[in-house]
Amino acid sequence: MTVMRTLRQDGTAEATGKPLDAAAFREAMSRIGAAVHVVTTDGPGGRIAATVSAVCPVTDTPPTVLLCVHREARLNAGIRKNRVLCLNTLPASAQAVSDAFAGRKGYSMEERFATASWLTLATGAPVMEGARVALDCEVTEILESGTHSVIFGHVVATSLGSAEGALIYLDRDYHKL
């Protein structure tokens, strides 16, 4: 059991005696800013995409990224079957695209894809035209942790877009850098 601790101004910690629950953890994580991405996949499992922020680089040799996707998400099932994905990092101007792929508009998958223009690189996963950067990946490994899958992608192609400002998610809201 993890016990929640409060850090005092003098640097000492005081245990509250309560276990750290999911809501407290989500609140803590909301205070960490993250770039906003639309992760896409296409192949035998279908053309699927979703907005994600749990992404990070792993290594440059070989170039590898990881992302975390809820086990029950359609995107997770699609990536498992297709074994490819594209990580499309959104520019500041793409909040509507993020909302569409986050399911906030109630759009079908086809309607979500209609909110942007798409092309493909090496894997066939959709690459968003206008993305700050798109990392086209082959899936190399999938690990399970709690409610999520940790998906590792070997980057086989990239597309660099404009250095326009970035769309960031922080404190449960969008911000533009």
N, C-alpha and C. Protein backbone atom coordinates (compact mmCIF):
# COMPACT_ATOMS: atom_id res chain seq x y z
N MET A 1 0.84 -1.17 0.00
CA MET A 1 0.00 0.00 0.00
C MET A 1 0.88 1.24 0.00
N THR A 2 0.58 2.19 -0.86
CA THR A 2 1.29 3.46 -0.89
C THR A 2 0.56 4.42 0.04
N VAL A 3 1.29 5.08 0.93
CA VAL A 3 0.70 6.03 1.86
C VAL A 3 1.00 7.43 1.36
N MET A 4 -0.03 8.28 1.34
CA MET A 4 0.16 9.64 0.90
C MET A 4 0.94 10.41 1.95
N ARG A 5 1.87 11.21 1.49
CA ARG A 5 2.66 12.04 2.38
C ARG A 5 2.55 13.48 1.92
N THR A 6 2.57 14.38 2.87
CA THR A 6 2.54 15.81 2.58
C THR A 6 3.90 16.38 2.92
N LEU A 7 4.47 17.13 2.00
CA LEU A 7 5.78 17.75 2.21
C LEU A 7 5.57 19.10 2.88
N ARG A 8 6.20 19.27 4.04
CA ARG A 8 6.13 20.54 4.76
C ARG A 8 7.14 21.52 4.16
N GLN A 9 6.97 22.79 4.45
CA GLN A 9 7.89 23.81 3.92
C GLN A 9 9.31 23.62 4.45
N ASP A 10 9.47 23.00 5.61
CA ASP A 10 10.81 22.78 6.15
C ASP A 10 11.50 21.58 5.51
N GLY A 11 10.82 20.92 4.55
CA GLY A 11 11.41 19.80 3.83
C GLY A 11 11.12 18.44 4.41
N THR A 12 10.47 18.37 5.56
CA THR A 12 10.13 17.09 6.15
C THR A 12 8.77 16.64 5.63
N ALA A 13 8.54 15.33 5.66
CA ALA A 13 7.28 14.78 5.15
C ALA A 13 6.43 14.27 6.30
N GLU A 14 5.14 14.44 6.17
CA GLU A 14 4.20 13.95 7.16
C GLU A 14 3.26 12.96 6.48
N ALA A 15 3.14 11.76 7.01
CA ALA A 15 2.23 10.76 6.47
C ALA A 15 0.80 11.12 6.87
N THR A 16 -0.12 11.07 5.91
CA THR A 16 -1.52 11.36 6.22
C THR A 16 -2.25 10.11 6.66
N GLY A 17 -1.66 8.94 6.42
CA GLY A 17 -2.30 7.69 6.82
C GLY A 17 -3.28 7.15 5.80
N LYS A 18 -3.56 7.93 4.76
CA LYS A 18 -4.51 7.49 3.73
C LYS A 18 -3.74 6.94 2.54
N PRO A 19 -4.24 5.89 1.91
CA PRO A 19 -3.58 5.40 0.69
C PRO A 19 -3.80 6.39 -0.45
N LEU A 20 -2.86 6.43 -1.35
CA LEU A 20 -2.98 7.29 -2.53
C LEU A 20 -4.01 6.67 -3.47
N ASP A 21 -5.10 7.39 -3.72
CA ASP A 21 -6.13 6.84 -4.60
C ASP A 21 -5.98 7.38 -6.02
N ALA A 22 -6.72 6.79 -6.93
CA ALA A 22 -6.61 7.14 -8.34
C ALA A 22 -6.92 8.61 -8.60
N ALA A 23 -7.92 9.16 -7.91
CA ALA A 23 -8.29 10.57 -8.13
C ALA A 23 -7.16 11.50 -7.71
N ALA A 24 -6.52 11.20 -6.59
CA ALA A 24 -5.40 12.03 -6.12
C ALA A 24 -4.23 11.93 -7.10
N PHE A 25 -3.97 10.75 -7.62
CA PHE A 25 -2.90 10.58 -8.59
C PHE A 25 -3.21 11.35 -9.87
N ARG A 26 -4.46 11.25 -10.37
CA ARG A 26 -4.84 11.98 -11.58
C ARG A 26 -4.69 13.48 -11.37
N GLU A 27 -5.06 13.97 -10.19
CA GLU A 27 -4.90 15.40 -9.90
C GLU A 27 -3.42 15.79 -9.93
N ALA A 28 -2.57 14.98 -9.33
CA ALA A 28 -1.14 15.26 -9.35
C ALA A 28 -0.62 15.29 -10.79
N MET A 29 -1.03 14.32 -11.61
CA MET A 29 -0.56 14.24 -12.99
C MET A 29 -1.10 15.40 -13.83
N SER A 30 -2.27 15.95 -13.48
CA SER A 30 -2.82 17.08 -14.24
C SER A 30 -1.93 18.32 -14.12
N ARG A 31 -1.08 18.33 -13.13
CA ARG A 31 -0.20 19.48 -12.91
C ARG A 31 1.13 19.36 -13.64
N ILE A 32 1.27 18.29 -14.41
CA ILE A 32 2.47 18.10 -15.23
C ILE A 32 2.07 18.33 -16.68
N GLY A 33 2.62 19.35 -17.29
CA GLY A 33 2.28 19.67 -18.67
C GLY A 33 2.78 18.61 -19.64
N ALA A 34 2.02 18.40 -20.70
CA ALA A 34 2.40 17.40 -21.71
C ALA A 34 1.98 17.88 -23.09
N ALA A 35 2.81 17.56 -24.07
CA ALA A 35 2.44 17.82 -25.46
C ALA A 35 1.23 16.97 -25.80
N VAL A 36 0.42 17.46 -26.73
CA VAL A 36 -0.79 16.74 -27.16
C VAL A 36 -0.49 16.08 -28.51
N HIS A 37 -0.86 14.80 -28.61
CA HIS A 37 -0.59 14.02 -29.81
C HIS A 37 -1.87 13.32 -30.26
N VAL A 38 -1.97 13.07 -31.55
CA VAL A 38 -2.96 12.14 -32.08
C VAL A 38 -2.17 10.93 -32.57
N VAL A 39 -2.47 9.78 -31.97
CA VAL A 39 -1.81 8.54 -32.37
C VAL A 39 -2.74 7.81 -33.32
N THR A 40 -2.20 7.43 -34.47
CA THR A 40 -2.98 6.76 -35.52
C THR A 40 -2.41 5.38 -35.80
N THR A 41 -3.27 4.54 -36.37
CA THR A 41 -2.84 3.23 -36.85
C THR A 41 -3.75 2.84 -38.00
N ASP A 42 -3.26 1.97 -38.87
CA ASP A 42 -4.07 1.48 -39.97
C ASP A 42 -3.53 0.11 -40.39
N GLY A 43 -4.42 -0.73 -40.85
CA GLY A 43 -4.05 -2.08 -41.28
C GLY A 43 -5.22 -3.02 -41.04
N PRO A 44 -4.95 -4.31 -40.81
CA PRO A 44 -6.01 -5.30 -40.63
C PRO A 44 -6.96 -4.98 -39.47
N GLY A 45 -6.46 -4.23 -38.47
CA GLY A 45 -7.28 -3.85 -37.32
C GLY A 45 -8.09 -2.59 -37.54
N GLY A 46 -7.96 -1.99 -38.71
CA GLY A 46 -8.73 -0.79 -39.04
C GLY A 46 -7.94 0.49 -38.89
N ARG A 47 -8.54 1.56 -39.41
CA ARG A 47 -7.97 2.92 -39.33
C ARG A 47 -8.55 3.56 -38.08
N ILE A 48 -7.71 3.72 -37.07
CA ILE A 48 -8.16 4.17 -35.75
C ILE A 48 -7.17 5.21 -35.25
N ALA A 49 -7.66 6.15 -34.44
CA ALA A 49 -6.79 7.15 -33.83
C ALA A 49 -7.42 7.66 -32.55
N ALA A 50 -6.58 8.25 -31.70
CA ALA A 50 -7.06 8.86 -30.45
C ALA A 50 -6.05 9.90 -30.00
N THR A 51 -6.53 10.85 -29.20
CA THR A 51 -5.66 11.85 -28.59
C THR A 51 -4.99 11.23 -27.37
N VAL A 52 -3.69 11.42 -27.25
CA VAL A 52 -2.94 10.92 -26.09
C VAL A 52 -1.92 11.97 -25.64
N SER A 53 -1.55 11.90 -24.39
CA SER A 53 -0.48 12.77 -23.89
C SER A 53 0.61 11.96 -23.18
N ALA A 54 0.35 10.70 -22.86
CA ALA A 54 1.33 9.87 -22.16
C ALA A 54 2.31 9.26 -23.16
N VAL A 55 3.30 10.06 -23.54
CA VAL A 55 4.27 9.71 -24.58
C VAL A 55 5.64 10.18 -24.14
N CYS A 56 6.67 9.41 -24.45
CA CYS A 56 8.03 9.91 -24.21
C CYS A 56 9.04 9.18 -25.08
N PRO A 57 10.18 9.84 -25.35
CA PRO A 57 11.25 9.15 -26.07
C PRO A 57 11.90 8.13 -25.15
N VAL A 58 12.43 7.06 -25.72
CA VAL A 58 13.12 6.04 -24.94
C VAL A 58 14.62 6.08 -25.22
N THR A 59 14.98 5.98 -26.50
CA THR A 59 16.38 5.96 -26.89
C THR A 59 16.51 6.43 -28.33
N ASP A 60 17.70 6.91 -28.70
CA ASP A 60 17.91 7.30 -30.10
C ASP A 60 18.63 6.21 -30.89
N THR A 61 19.08 5.15 -30.21
CA THR A 61 19.76 4.05 -30.89
C THR A 61 19.24 2.72 -30.37
N PRO A 62 18.28 2.09 -30.99
CA PRO A 62 17.55 2.56 -32.17
C PRO A 62 16.50 3.59 -31.75
N PRO A 63 16.07 4.47 -32.65
CA PRO A 63 15.10 5.50 -32.29
C PRO A 63 13.79 4.85 -31.83
N THR A 64 13.43 5.08 -30.57
CA THR A 64 12.28 4.42 -29.96
C THR A 64 11.50 5.39 -29.09
N VAL A 65 10.19 5.30 -29.17
CA VAL A 65 9.29 6.07 -28.30
C VAL A 65 8.38 5.08 -27.58
N LEU A 66 7.74 5.57 -26.50
CA LEU A 66 6.72 4.77 -25.86
C LEU A 66 5.50 5.62 -25.64
N LEU A 67 4.36 4.96 -25.62
CA LEU A 67 3.10 5.62 -25.29
C LEU A 67 2.27 4.67 -24.45
N CYS A 68 1.40 5.26 -23.67
CA CYS A 68 0.53 4.48 -22.81
C CYS A 68 -0.91 4.66 -23.29
N VAL A 69 -1.60 3.53 -23.48
CA VAL A 69 -2.97 3.54 -24.00
C VAL A 69 -3.79 2.60 -23.12
N HIS A 70 -4.98 3.06 -22.74
CA HIS A 70 -5.86 2.24 -21.92
C HIS A 70 -6.11 0.90 -22.61
N ARG A 71 -6.08 -0.16 -21.83
CA ARG A 71 -6.24 -1.52 -22.40
C ARG A 71 -7.55 -1.71 -23.15
N GLU A 72 -8.61 -1.02 -22.73
CA GLU A 72 -9.92 -1.21 -23.35
C GLU A 72 -10.19 -0.25 -24.51
N ALA A 73 -9.24 0.62 -24.82
CA ALA A 73 -9.44 1.59 -25.90
C ALA A 73 -9.40 0.91 -27.26
N ARG A 74 -10.22 1.40 -28.17
CA ARG A 74 -10.19 0.90 -29.55
C ARG A 74 -8.81 1.05 -30.16
N LEU A 75 -8.12 2.15 -29.82
CA LEU A 75 -6.78 2.38 -30.36
C LEU A 75 -5.85 1.25 -29.94
N ASN A 76 -5.95 0.80 -28.71
CA ASN A 76 -5.09 -0.28 -28.22
C ASN A 76 -5.30 -1.54 -29.06
N ALA A 77 -6.55 -1.91 -29.26
CA ALA A 77 -6.85 -3.11 -30.07
C ALA A 77 -6.33 -2.95 -31.50
N GLY A 78 -6.50 -1.76 -32.07
CA GLY A 78 -6.03 -1.52 -33.43
C GLY A 78 -4.52 -1.61 -33.55
N ILE A 79 -3.81 -1.01 -32.61
CA ILE A 79 -2.34 -1.07 -32.64
C ILE A 79 -1.86 -2.50 -32.49
N ARG A 80 -2.48 -3.26 -31.60
CA ARG A 80 -2.09 -4.66 -31.40
C ARG A 80 -2.23 -5.47 -32.70
N LYS A 81 -3.29 -5.22 -33.42
CA LYS A 81 -3.53 -5.98 -34.64
C LYS A 81 -2.69 -5.46 -35.81
N ASN A 82 -2.56 -4.13 -35.92
CA ASN A 82 -1.84 -3.53 -37.05
C ASN A 82 -0.32 -3.54 -36.86
N ARG A 83 0.14 -3.49 -35.62
CA ARG A 83 1.57 -3.49 -35.28
C ARG A 83 2.32 -2.27 -35.82
N VAL A 84 1.58 -1.19 -36.15
CA VAL A 84 2.18 0.08 -36.57
C VAL A 84 1.41 1.21 -35.92
N LEU A 85 2.07 2.36 -35.81
CA LEU A 85 1.40 3.56 -35.30
C LEU A 85 2.16 4.78 -35.77
N CYS A 86 1.49 5.91 -35.76
CA CYS A 86 2.15 7.17 -36.03
C CYS A 86 1.79 8.13 -34.90
N LEU A 87 2.80 8.72 -34.32
CA LEU A 87 2.65 9.70 -33.25
C LEU A 87 2.70 11.08 -33.89
N ASN A 88 1.56 11.76 -33.95
CA ASN A 88 1.44 13.07 -34.57
C ASN A 88 1.36 14.13 -33.48
N THR A 89 2.39 14.94 -33.31
CA THR A 89 2.42 15.97 -32.29
C THR A 89 1.72 17.21 -32.83
N LEU A 90 0.72 17.69 -32.08
CA LEU A 90 -0.14 18.75 -32.60
C LEU A 90 0.42 20.15 -32.40
N PRO A 91 0.23 21.00 -33.42
CA PRO A 91 0.59 22.41 -33.28
C PRO A 91 -0.48 23.12 -32.45
N ALA A 92 -0.18 24.32 -32.00
CA ALA A 92 -1.09 25.10 -31.16
C ALA A 92 -2.45 25.32 -31.82
N SER A 93 -2.49 25.35 -33.13
CA SER A 93 -3.72 25.63 -33.87
C SER A 93 -4.65 24.42 -34.00
N ALA A 94 -4.26 23.27 -33.47
CA ALA A 94 -5.02 22.03 -33.71
C ALA A 94 -5.86 21.55 -32.53
N GLN A 95 -6.33 22.47 -31.70
CA GLN A 95 -7.16 22.07 -30.56
C GLN A 95 -8.43 21.34 -31.02
N ALA A 96 -9.04 21.77 -32.10
CA ALA A 96 -10.27 21.12 -32.59
C ALA A 96 -9.98 19.67 -33.00
N VAL A 97 -8.80 19.43 -33.58
CA VAL A 97 -8.42 18.06 -33.96
C VAL A 97 -8.26 17.22 -32.70
N SER A 98 -7.60 17.78 -31.70
CA SER A 98 -7.43 17.06 -30.44
C SER A 98 -8.77 16.70 -29.83
N ASP A 99 -9.68 17.67 -29.77
CA ASP A 99 -11.01 17.42 -29.20
C ASP A 99 -11.75 16.33 -29.97
N ALA A 100 -11.64 16.36 -31.29
CA ALA A 100 -12.32 15.35 -32.11
C ALA A 100 -11.83 13.95 -31.78
N PHE A 101 -10.51 13.78 -31.73
CA PHE A 101 -9.95 12.45 -31.49
C PHE A 101 -10.02 12.04 -30.01
N ALA A 102 -10.27 13.00 -29.13
CA ALA A 102 -10.48 12.69 -27.71
C ALA A 102 -11.92 12.25 -27.46
N GLY A 103 -12.77 12.32 -28.49
CA GLY A 103 -14.16 11.91 -28.36
C GLY A 103 -15.07 13.00 -27.82
N ARG A 104 -14.59 14.22 -27.70
CA ARG A 104 -15.38 15.31 -27.13
C ARG A 104 -16.47 15.83 -28.06
N LYS A 105 -16.40 15.50 -29.32
CA LYS A 105 -17.38 16.00 -30.29
C LYS A 105 -18.43 14.95 -30.66
N GLY A 106 -18.24 13.72 -30.21
CA GLY A 106 -19.19 12.66 -30.54
C GLY A 106 -19.10 12.20 -31.98
N TYR A 107 -17.99 12.49 -32.65
CA TYR A 107 -17.81 12.11 -34.04
C TYR A 107 -17.52 10.62 -34.18
N SER A 108 -17.91 10.08 -35.32
CA SER A 108 -17.49 8.73 -35.69
C SER A 108 -16.00 8.80 -36.03
N MET A 109 -15.35 7.65 -36.17
CA MET A 109 -13.93 7.65 -36.51
C MET A 109 -13.72 8.33 -37.87
N GLU A 110 -14.60 8.07 -38.82
CA GLU A 110 -14.48 8.69 -40.14
C GLU A 110 -14.59 10.22 -40.03
N GLU A 111 -15.51 10.72 -39.21
CA GLU A 111 -15.66 12.16 -39.03
C GLU A 111 -14.44 12.76 -38.33
N ARG A 112 -13.85 12.01 -37.41
CA ARG A 112 -12.64 12.49 -36.73
C ARG A 112 -11.52 12.70 -37.75
N PHE A 113 -11.33 11.70 -38.62
CA PHE A 113 -10.27 11.81 -39.62
C PHE A 113 -10.55 12.96 -40.60
N ALA A 114 -11.80 13.34 -40.78
CA ALA A 114 -12.15 14.44 -41.69
C ALA A 114 -11.75 15.81 -41.14
N THR A 115 -11.33 15.88 -39.87
CA THR A 115 -10.93 17.17 -39.27
C THR A 115 -9.52 17.60 -39.67
N ALA A 116 -8.80 16.75 -40.38
CA ALA A 116 -7.43 17.08 -40.81
C ALA A 116 -7.16 16.38 -42.14
N SER A 117 -6.02 16.72 -42.76
CA SER A 117 -5.57 16.05 -43.98
C SER A 117 -4.50 15.04 -43.61
N TRP A 118 -4.48 13.92 -44.34
CA TRP A 118 -3.60 12.81 -43.97
C TRP A 118 -2.81 12.31 -45.16
N LEU A 119 -1.63 11.80 -44.90
CA LEU A 119 -0.80 11.11 -45.88
C LEU A 119 -0.18 9.93 -45.16
N THR A 120 0.69 9.19 -45.81
CA THR A 120 1.38 8.08 -45.15
C THR A 120 2.86 8.15 -45.45
N LEU A 121 3.64 7.50 -44.60
CA LEU A 121 5.08 7.38 -44.80
C LEU A 121 5.40 5.90 -44.99
N ALA A 122 6.26 5.33 -44.17
CA ALA A 122 6.74 3.95 -44.37
C ALA A 122 5.75 2.88 -43.94
N THR A 123 5.05 3.07 -42.82
CA THR A 123 4.24 1.97 -42.26
C THR A 123 2.80 1.92 -42.77
N GLY A 124 2.33 3.00 -43.34
CA GLY A 124 0.93 3.06 -43.76
C GLY A 124 0.01 3.66 -42.71
N ALA A 125 0.54 3.95 -41.50
CA ALA A 125 -0.26 4.63 -40.48
C ALA A 125 -0.48 6.07 -40.92
N PRO A 126 -1.67 6.64 -40.68
CA PRO A 126 -1.94 8.01 -41.11
C PRO A 126 -1.02 9.04 -40.44
N VAL A 127 -0.49 9.93 -41.28
CA VAL A 127 0.38 11.02 -40.85
C VAL A 127 -0.40 12.31 -41.08
N MET A 128 -0.56 13.11 -40.03
CA MET A 128 -1.32 14.35 -40.15
C MET A 128 -0.50 15.43 -40.82
N GLU A 129 -1.02 15.96 -41.93
CA GLU A 129 -0.38 17.11 -42.56
C GLU A 129 -0.50 18.28 -41.59
N GLY A 130 0.59 18.96 -41.36
CA GLY A 130 0.57 20.09 -40.44
C GLY A 130 0.98 19.74 -39.02
N ALA A 131 1.24 18.47 -38.73
CA ALA A 131 1.74 18.11 -37.40
C ALA A 131 3.11 18.74 -37.20
N ARG A 132 3.42 19.13 -35.98
CA ARG A 132 4.76 19.67 -35.69
C ARG A 132 5.81 18.64 -36.04
N VAL A 133 5.53 17.40 -35.65
CA VAL A 133 6.38 16.27 -36.00
C VAL A 133 5.50 15.04 -36.03
N ALA A 134 5.81 14.14 -36.94
CA ALA A 134 5.12 12.84 -36.99
C ALA A 134 6.19 11.77 -36.94
N LEU A 135 6.02 10.82 -36.03
CA LEU A 135 6.95 9.70 -35.88
C LEU A 135 6.24 8.43 -36.30
N ASP A 136 6.63 7.89 -37.43
CA ASP A 136 6.02 6.69 -38.01
C ASP A 136 6.74 5.47 -37.43
N CYS A 137 6.01 4.59 -36.77
CA CYS A 137 6.64 3.54 -35.96
C CYS A 137 6.10 2.14 -36.24
N GLU A 138 7.01 1.18 -36.09
CA GLU A 138 6.64 -0.24 -36.03
C GLU A 138 6.64 -0.62 -34.55
N VAL A 139 5.61 -1.31 -34.10
CA VAL A 139 5.52 -1.71 -32.70
C VAL A 139 6.51 -2.84 -32.44
N THR A 140 7.33 -2.66 -31.39
CA THR A 140 8.34 -3.67 -31.06
C THR A 140 8.00 -4.44 -29.79
N GLU A 141 7.25 -3.81 -28.90
CA GLU A 141 6.95 -4.47 -27.63
C GLU A 141 5.74 -3.81 -26.99
N ILE A 142 4.95 -4.61 -26.28
CA ILE A 142 3.82 -4.09 -25.52
C ILE A 142 3.87 -4.73 -24.14
N LEU A 143 3.93 -3.88 -23.11
CA LEU A 143 3.92 -4.33 -21.72
C LEU A 143 2.62 -3.89 -21.06
N GLU A 144 2.21 -4.58 -20.04
CA GLU A 144 0.98 -4.23 -19.34
C GLU A 144 1.32 -3.67 -17.96
N SER A 145 0.64 -2.57 -17.58
CA SER A 145 0.82 -1.98 -16.26
C SER A 145 -0.51 -1.40 -15.82
N GLY A 146 -1.12 -2.01 -14.82
CA GLY A 146 -2.41 -1.52 -14.34
C GLY A 146 -3.45 -1.55 -15.44
N THR A 147 -4.11 -0.43 -15.65
CA THR A 147 -5.18 -0.32 -16.64
C THR A 147 -4.68 -0.05 -18.05
N HIS A 148 -3.37 0.15 -18.22
CA HIS A 148 -2.82 0.59 -19.50
C HIS A 148 -1.80 -0.37 -20.09
N SER A 149 -1.65 -0.26 -21.39
CA SER A 149 -0.57 -0.94 -22.11
C SER A 149 0.50 0.10 -22.38
N VAL A 150 1.75 -0.30 -22.19
CA VAL A 150 2.89 0.54 -22.53
C VAL A 150 3.42 0.01 -23.86
N ILE A 151 3.28 0.82 -24.89
CA ILE A 151 3.58 0.39 -26.25
C ILE A 151 4.88 1.05 -26.71
N PHE A 152 5.83 0.23 -27.14
CA PHE A 152 7.11 0.73 -27.64
C PHE A 152 7.08 0.72 -29.16
N GLY A 153 7.48 1.84 -29.76
CA GLY A 153 7.51 1.94 -31.21
C GLY A 153 8.90 2.29 -31.71
N HIS A 154 9.39 1.50 -32.68
CA HIS A 154 10.65 1.80 -33.35
C HIS A 154 10.34 2.78 -34.47
N VAL A 155 10.94 3.97 -34.41
CA VAL A 155 10.66 5.01 -35.40
C VAL A 155 11.39 4.67 -36.70
N VAL A 156 10.60 4.49 -37.77
CA VAL A 156 11.18 4.13 -39.07
C VAL A 156 11.15 5.28 -40.07
N ALA A 157 10.35 6.33 -39.76
CA ALA A 157 10.29 7.51 -40.64
C ALA A 157 9.76 8.68 -39.82
N THR A 158 10.13 9.88 -40.25
CA THR A 158 9.64 11.09 -39.58
C THR A 158 9.19 12.10 -40.61
N SER A 159 8.34 13.00 -40.16
CA SER A 159 7.93 14.14 -40.96
C SER A 159 7.99 15.35 -40.05
N LEU A 160 8.80 16.34 -40.41
CA LEU A 160 8.92 17.55 -39.61
C LEU A 160 8.07 18.64 -40.22
N GLY A 161 7.14 19.15 -39.43
CA GLY A 161 6.29 20.24 -39.88
C GLY A 161 6.84 21.58 -39.44
N SER A 162 5.99 22.55 -39.42
CA SER A 162 6.36 23.90 -39.02
C SER A 162 6.73 23.93 -37.54
N ALA A 163 7.59 24.85 -37.18
CA ALA A 163 7.98 25.04 -35.79
C ALA A 163 6.99 25.96 -35.08
N GLU A 164 5.77 26.04 -35.63
CA GLU A 164 4.68 26.80 -35.00
C GLU A 164 4.56 26.37 -33.55
N GLY A 165 3.94 27.20 -32.73
CA GLY A 165 3.74 26.88 -31.32
C GLY A 165 3.12 25.51 -31.12
N ALA A 166 3.33 24.98 -29.92
CA ALA A 166 2.85 23.63 -29.59
C ALA A 166 1.57 23.69 -28.76
N LEU A 167 0.76 22.64 -28.88
CA LEU A 167 -0.43 22.49 -28.06
C LEU A 167 -0.05 21.66 -26.84
N ILE A 168 -0.28 22.20 -25.66
CA ILE A 168 0.09 21.57 -24.39
C ILE A 168 -1.17 21.36 -23.56
N TYR A 169 -1.20 20.26 -22.80
CA TYR A 169 -2.31 20.01 -21.89
C TYR A 169 -1.77 20.10 -20.47
N LEU A 170 -2.33 21.00 -19.67
CA LEU A 170 -1.87 21.25 -18.31
C LEU A 170 -3.05 21.73 -17.48
N ASP A 171 -3.17 21.24 -16.26
CA ASP A 171 -4.27 21.63 -15.37
C ASP A 171 -5.64 21.41 -16.02
N ARG A 172 -5.76 20.30 -16.74
CA ARG A 172 -7.01 19.88 -17.39
C ARG A 172 -7.52 20.90 -18.43
N ASP A 173 -6.56 21.58 -19.08
CA ASP A 173 -6.94 22.55 -20.10
C ASP A 173 -5.80 22.66 -21.12
N TYR A 174 -6.15 23.15 -22.30
CA TYR A 174 -5.16 23.37 -23.35
C TYR A 174 -4.43 24.69 -23.11
N HIS A 175 -3.17 24.70 -23.50
CA HIS A 175 -2.36 25.90 -23.48
C HIS A 175 -1.53 25.90 -24.76
N LYS A 176 -1.18 27.08 -25.22
CA LYS A 176 -0.39 27.20 -26.44
C LYS A 176 0.96 27.79 -26.10
N LEU A 177 2.00 27.11 -26.53
CA LEU A 177 3.36 27.61 -26.31
C LEU A 177 3.95 28.11 -27.62
